[in-house]
Amino acid sequence: AHQQGTPLSNHEYHQFFMSLRAAQRARAACLIRLLYGCQNPLVRRLDEYENHGVIPEGPICSEMPEFPSFTDFCSFSLYRCTRKMYFVKV
């Protein structure tokens, strides 16, 4: 166990800043999605990357108990962006 107030180890710093950069990139992707829509080529590439090369068509299910399904991946992604729930999965 680490004593309170001591600096993070090199490994802990790496983990800490990796998570910050991931959230920052997710916010940037959401801003592009909100500004240009789901049909933007960059947004489509990101959606394909997130879904192993294919953007799901039709209704999808999510991990969110309050909203278990969405009409399409775009609706899910927009909801996730507006709620700042960047890492919720379908």
C-alpha atoms as a PDB file:
ATOM      1  CA  ALA A   1       0.000   0.000   0.000  1.00  0.00           C
ATOM      2  CA  HIS A   2       1.161   3.496  -0.797  1.00  0.00           C
ATOM      3  CA  GLN A   3       1.292   6.230   1.795  1.00  0.00           C
ATOM      4  CA  GLN A   4      -1.112   9.094   1.165  1.00  0.00           C
ATOM      5  CA  GLY A   5       0.544  12.106  -0.395  1.00  0.00           C
ATOM      6  CA  THR A   6       3.346  10.173  -2.060  1.00  0.00           C
ATOM      7  CA  PRO A   7       3.807  10.525  -5.806  1.00  0.00           C
ATOM      8  CA  LEU A   8       2.542   7.874  -8.183  1.00  0.00           C
ATOM      9  CA  SER A   9       4.993   5.292  -9.467  1.00  0.00           C
ATOM     10  CA  ASN A  10       6.056   5.456 -13.118  1.00  0.00           C
ATOM     11  CA  HIS A  11       3.536   2.722 -13.974  1.00  0.00           C
ATOM     12  CA  GLU A  12       0.771   4.528 -12.053  1.00  0.00           C
ATOM     13  CA  TYR A  13       1.527   7.799 -13.882  1.00  0.00           C
ATOM     14  CA  HIS A  14       1.356   5.985 -17.200  1.00  0.00           C
ATOM     15  CA  GLN A  15      -2.043   4.463 -16.331  1.00  0.00           C
ATOM     16  CA  PHE A  16      -3.366   7.760 -14.987  1.00  0.00           C
ATOM     17  CA  PHE A  17      -2.463   9.788 -18.082  1.00  0.00           C
ATOM     18  CA  MET A  18      -3.540   7.055 -20.517  1.00  0.00           C
ATOM     19  CA  SER A  19      -7.069   7.252 -19.095  1.00  0.00           C
ATOM     20  CA  LEU A  20      -7.087  11.055 -19.338  1.00  0.00           C
ATOM     21  CA  ARG A  21      -5.988  10.985 -22.962  1.00  0.00           C
ATOM     22  CA  ALA A  22      -8.646   8.388 -23.804  1.00  0.00           C
ATOM     23  CA  ALA A  23     -11.408  10.577 -22.361  1.00  0.00           C
ATOM     24  CA  GLN A  24     -10.003  13.625 -24.149  1.00  0.00           C
ATOM     25  CA  ARG A  25     -10.033  11.770 -27.487  1.00  0.00           C
ATOM     26  CA  ALA A  26     -13.571  10.538 -26.841  1.00  0.00           C
ATOM     27  CA  ARG A  27     -14.731  14.111 -26.166  1.00  0.00           C
ATOM     28  CA  ALA A  28     -13.064  15.279 -29.393  1.00  0.00           C
ATOM     29  CA  ALA A  29     -14.770  12.506 -31.393  1.00  0.00           C
ATOM     30  CA  CYS A  30     -18.096  13.453 -29.819  1.00  0.00           C
ATOM     31  CA  LEU A  31     -17.608  17.096 -30.741  1.00  0.00           C
ATOM     32  CA  ILE A  32     -16.980  16.108 -34.372  1.00  0.00           C
ATOM     33  CA  ARG A  33     -20.068  13.846 -34.268  1.00  0.00           C
ATOM     34  CA  LEU A  34     -22.229  16.650 -32.846  1.00  0.00           C
ATOM     35  CA  LEU A  35     -20.936  19.211 -35.347  1.00  0.00           C
ATOM     36  CA  TYR A  36     -20.949  17.109 -38.520  1.00  0.00           C
ATOM     37  CA  GLY A  37     -23.271  14.165 -37.852  1.00  0.00           C
ATOM     38  CA  CYS A  38     -22.916  10.425 -38.108  1.00  0.00           C
ATOM     39  CA  GLN A  39     -22.365  10.457 -41.864  1.00  0.00           C
ATOM     40  CA  ASN A  40     -19.113  12.390 -41.614  1.00  0.00           C
ATOM     41  CA  PRO A  41     -16.310  10.201 -43.056  1.00  0.00           C
ATOM     42  CA  LEU A  42     -14.145  10.518 -39.924  1.00  0.00           C
ATOM     43  CA  VAL A  43     -17.075   9.684 -37.642  1.00  0.00           C
ATOM     44  CA  ARG A  44     -17.962   6.681 -39.820  1.00  0.00           C
ATOM     45  CA  ARG A  45     -14.359   5.416 -39.624  1.00  0.00           C
ATOM     46  CA  LEU A  46     -14.397   5.757 -35.840  1.00  0.00           C
ATOM     47  CA  ASP A  47     -17.748   3.926 -35.648  1.00  0.00           C
ATOM     48  CA  GLU A  48     -16.408   1.163 -37.867  1.00  0.00           C
ATOM     49  CA  TYR A  49     -13.285   0.881 -35.731  1.00  0.00           C
ATOM     50  CA  GLU A  50     -15.401   0.629 -32.581  1.00  0.00           C
ATOM     51  CA  ASN A  51     -17.499  -2.143 -34.164  1.00  0.00           C
ATOM     52  CA  HIS A  52     -14.794  -4.295 -35.792  1.00  0.00           C
ATOM     53  CA  GLY A  53     -15.200  -2.810 -39.258  1.00  0.00           C
ATOM     54  CA  VAL A  54     -19.003  -2.669 -39.612  1.00  0.00           C
ATOM     55  CA  ILE A  55     -21.433  -0.077 -38.264  1.00  0.00           C
ATOM     56  CA  PRO A  56     -24.440  -1.970 -36.855  1.00  0.00           C
ATOM     57  CA  GLU A  57     -27.679  -1.406 -38.753  1.00  0.00           C
ATOM     58  CA  GLY A  58     -31.128  -1.281 -37.216  1.00  0.00           C
ATOM     59  CA  PRO A  59     -31.975  -1.327 -33.516  1.00  0.00           C
ATOM     60  CA  ILE A  60     -29.182  -2.036 -31.051  1.00  0.00           C
ATOM     61  CA  CYS A  61     -29.041  -2.992 -27.383  1.00  0.00           C
ATOM     62  CA  SER A  62     -26.893  -1.168 -24.838  1.00  0.00           C
ATOM     63  CA  GLU A  63     -25.416  -1.799 -21.393  1.00  0.00           C
ATOM     64  CA  MET A  64     -27.509   1.047 -19.958  1.00  0.00           C
ATOM     65  CA  PRO A  65     -30.430  -0.231 -17.889  1.00  0.00           C
ATOM     66  CA  GLU A  66     -32.321   3.068 -18.274  1.00  0.00           C
ATOM     67  CA  PHE A  67     -32.038   2.845 -22.094  1.00  0.00           C
ATOM     68  CA  PRO A  68     -31.625  -0.804 -23.087  1.00  0.00           C
ATOM     69  CA  SER A  69     -32.123  -0.177 -26.819  1.00  0.00           C
ATOM     70  CA  PHE A  70     -31.778   2.514 -29.484  1.00  0.00           C
ATOM     71  CA  THR A  71     -33.175   2.785 -33.000  1.00  0.00           C
ATOM     72  CA  ASP A  72     -29.671   2.744 -34.528  1.00  0.00           C
ATOM     73  CA  PHE A  73     -25.979   3.120 -33.711  1.00  0.00           C
ATOM     74  CA  CYS A  74     -26.040   6.838 -34.490  1.00  0.00           C
ATOM     75  CA  SER A  75     -28.777   7.454 -31.887  1.00  0.00           C
ATOM     76  CA  PHE A  76     -26.832   5.438 -29.340  1.00  0.00           C
ATOM     77  CA  SER A  77     -23.614   7.327 -30.060  1.00  0.00           C
ATOM     78  CA  LEU A  78     -25.286  10.728 -29.895  1.00  0.00           C
ATOM     79  CA  TYR A  79     -26.931   9.824 -26.588  1.00  0.00           C
ATOM     80  CA  ARG A  80     -23.616   8.588 -25.214  1.00  0.00           C
ATOM     81  CA  CYS A  81     -21.938  11.840 -26.277  1.00  0.00           C
ATOM     82  CA  THR A  82     -24.570  14.159 -24.832  1.00  0.00           C
ATOM     83  CA  ARG A  83     -24.479  12.274 -21.506  1.00  0.00           C
ATOM     84  CA  LYS A  84     -20.660  12.111 -21.494  1.00  0.00           C
ATOM     85  CA  MET A  85     -20.868   8.329 -21.124  1.00  0.00           C
ATOM     86  CA  TYR A  86     -18.077   7.780 -23.651  1.00  0.00           C
ATOM     87  CA  PHE A  87     -17.203   4.187 -22.869  1.00  0.00           C
ATOM     88  CA  VAL A  88     -20.640   2.552 -22.584  1.00  0.00           C
ATOM     89  CA  LYS A  89     -20.880  -0.400 -24.971  1.00  0.00           C
ATOM     90  CA  VAL A  90     -23.601  -1.840 -27.167  1.00  0.00           C
END
